[in-house]
């Protein structure tokens, strides 16, 4: 996820992912997965240049 690039070549990066996770602390694992995929997908304009792996686990 962090290596996804915007149309101008900027990577999504660790800082954006961490900020997104901090903003979504109350989300369920399913909600968090959707939020991350939607946000990163929008960032890269839907142009996934590589494979993407995302695992979201809920711990109670």
C-alpha atoms as a PDB file:
ATOM      1  CA  UNK A   1       0.000   0.000   0.000  1.00  0.00           C
ATOM      2  CA  UNK A   2       2.719   2.465   0.902  1.00  0.00           C
ATOM      3  CA  UNK A   3       4.376   2.130  -2.511  1.00  0.00           C
ATOM      4  CA  UNK A   4       1.245   3.047  -4.490  1.00  0.00           C
ATOM      5  CA  UNK A   5       2.024   6.128  -6.580  1.00  0.00           C
ATOM      6  CA  UNK A   6      -0.055   9.135  -7.524  1.00  0.00           C
ATOM      7  CA  UNK A   7      -0.237  10.105 -11.213  1.00  0.00           C
ATOM      8  CA  UNK A   8       2.686  12.508 -10.640  1.00  0.00           C
ATOM      9  CA  UNK A   9       4.857   9.744  -9.123  1.00  0.00           C
ATOM     10  CA  UNK A  10       4.540  10.542  -5.412  1.00  0.00           C
ATOM     11  CA  UNK A  11       4.309   7.438  -3.183  1.00  0.00           C
ATOM     12  CA  UNK A  12       1.465   7.058  -0.676  1.00  0.00           C
ATOM     13  CA  UNK A  13       4.101   6.385   1.980  1.00  0.00           C
ATOM     14  CA  UNK A  14       4.206   5.317   5.600  1.00  0.00           C
ATOM     15  CA  UNK A  15       3.183   8.698   7.048  1.00  0.00           C
ATOM     16  CA  UNK A  16      -0.111   8.782   5.119  1.00  0.00           C
ATOM     17  CA  UNK A  17      -0.898   5.190   6.080  1.00  0.00           C
ATOM     18  CA  UNK A  18      -0.161   5.834   9.756  1.00  0.00           C
ATOM     19  CA  UNK A  19      -2.316   8.979   9.724  1.00  0.00           C
ATOM     20  CA  UNK A  20      -5.160   7.020   8.102  1.00  0.00           C
ATOM     21  CA  UNK A  21      -4.857   4.291  10.744  1.00  0.00           C
ATOM     22  CA  UNK A  22      -4.864   6.833  13.567  1.00  0.00           C
ATOM     23  CA  UNK A  23      -7.985   8.501  12.131  1.00  0.00           C
ATOM     24  CA  UNK A  24      -9.733   5.119  11.879  1.00  0.00           C
ATOM     25  CA  UNK A  25      -9.032   3.685  15.342  1.00  0.00           C
ATOM     26  CA  UNK A  26     -12.709   2.904  15.994  1.00  0.00           C
ATOM     27  CA  UNK A  27     -13.281   1.112  12.676  1.00  0.00           C
ATOM     28  CA  UNK A  28     -13.859  -2.614  12.438  1.00  0.00           C
ATOM     29  CA  UNK A  29     -11.318  -4.674  10.500  1.00  0.00           C
ATOM     30  CA  UNK A  30     -13.711  -4.788   7.525  1.00  0.00           C
ATOM     31  CA  UNK A  31     -14.327  -1.016   7.633  1.00  0.00           C
ATOM     32  CA  UNK A  32     -10.606  -0.334   7.944  1.00  0.00           C
ATOM     33  CA  UNK A  33      -9.775  -2.562   4.995  1.00  0.00           C
ATOM     34  CA  UNK A  34     -12.348  -0.775   2.820  1.00  0.00           C
ATOM     35  CA  UNK A  35     -11.157   2.671   3.968  1.00  0.00           C
ATOM     36  CA  UNK A  36      -7.517   1.872   3.172  1.00  0.00           C
ATOM     37  CA  UNK A  37      -8.300   0.365  -0.235  1.00  0.00           C
ATOM     38  CA  UNK A  38     -10.588   3.279  -1.146  1.00  0.00           C
ATOM     39  CA  UNK A  39      -8.119   5.927   0.038  1.00  0.00           C
ATOM     40  CA  UNK A  40      -5.048   4.408  -1.601  1.00  0.00           C
ATOM     41  CA  UNK A  41      -7.051   3.631  -4.750  1.00  0.00           C
ATOM     42  CA  UNK A  42      -8.125   7.267  -5.001  1.00  0.00           C
ATOM     43  CA  UNK A  43      -4.563   8.437  -4.347  1.00  0.00           C
ATOM     44  CA  UNK A  44      -3.158   6.373  -7.215  1.00  0.00           C
ATOM     45  CA  UNK A  45      -6.075   7.170  -9.517  1.00  0.00           C
ATOM     46  CA  UNK A  46      -7.077   3.496  -9.580  1.00  0.00           C
ATOM     47  CA  UNK A  47      -3.827   2.684 -11.357  1.00  0.00           C
ATOM     48  CA  UNK A  48      -2.347  -0.093  -9.229  1.00  0.00           C
ATOM     49  CA  UNK A  49       1.128  -0.586 -10.709  1.00  0.00           C
ATOM     50  CA  UNK A  50       1.936  -3.640  -8.626  1.00  0.00           C
ATOM     51  CA  UNK A  51       0.133  -6.218  -6.560  1.00  0.00           C
ATOM     52  CA  UNK A  52      -1.344  -5.079  -3.253  1.00  0.00           C
ATOM     53  CA  UNK A  53      -1.561  -7.053  -0.036  1.00  0.00           C
ATOM     54  CA  UNK A  54      -3.658  -5.903   2.888  1.00  0.00           C
ATOM     55  CA  UNK A  55      -4.514  -7.861   6.018  1.00  0.00           C
ATOM     56  CA  UNK A  56      -6.751  -6.273   8.635  1.00  0.00           C
ATOM     57  CA  UNK A  57      -7.173  -8.101  11.947  1.00  0.00           C
ATOM     58  CA  UNK A  58      -9.525  -7.140  14.756  1.00  0.00           C
ATOM     59  CA  UNK A  59      -8.229  -7.703  18.270  1.00  0.00           C
ATOM     60  CA  UNK A  60     -10.705  -7.482  21.107  1.00  0.00           C
END
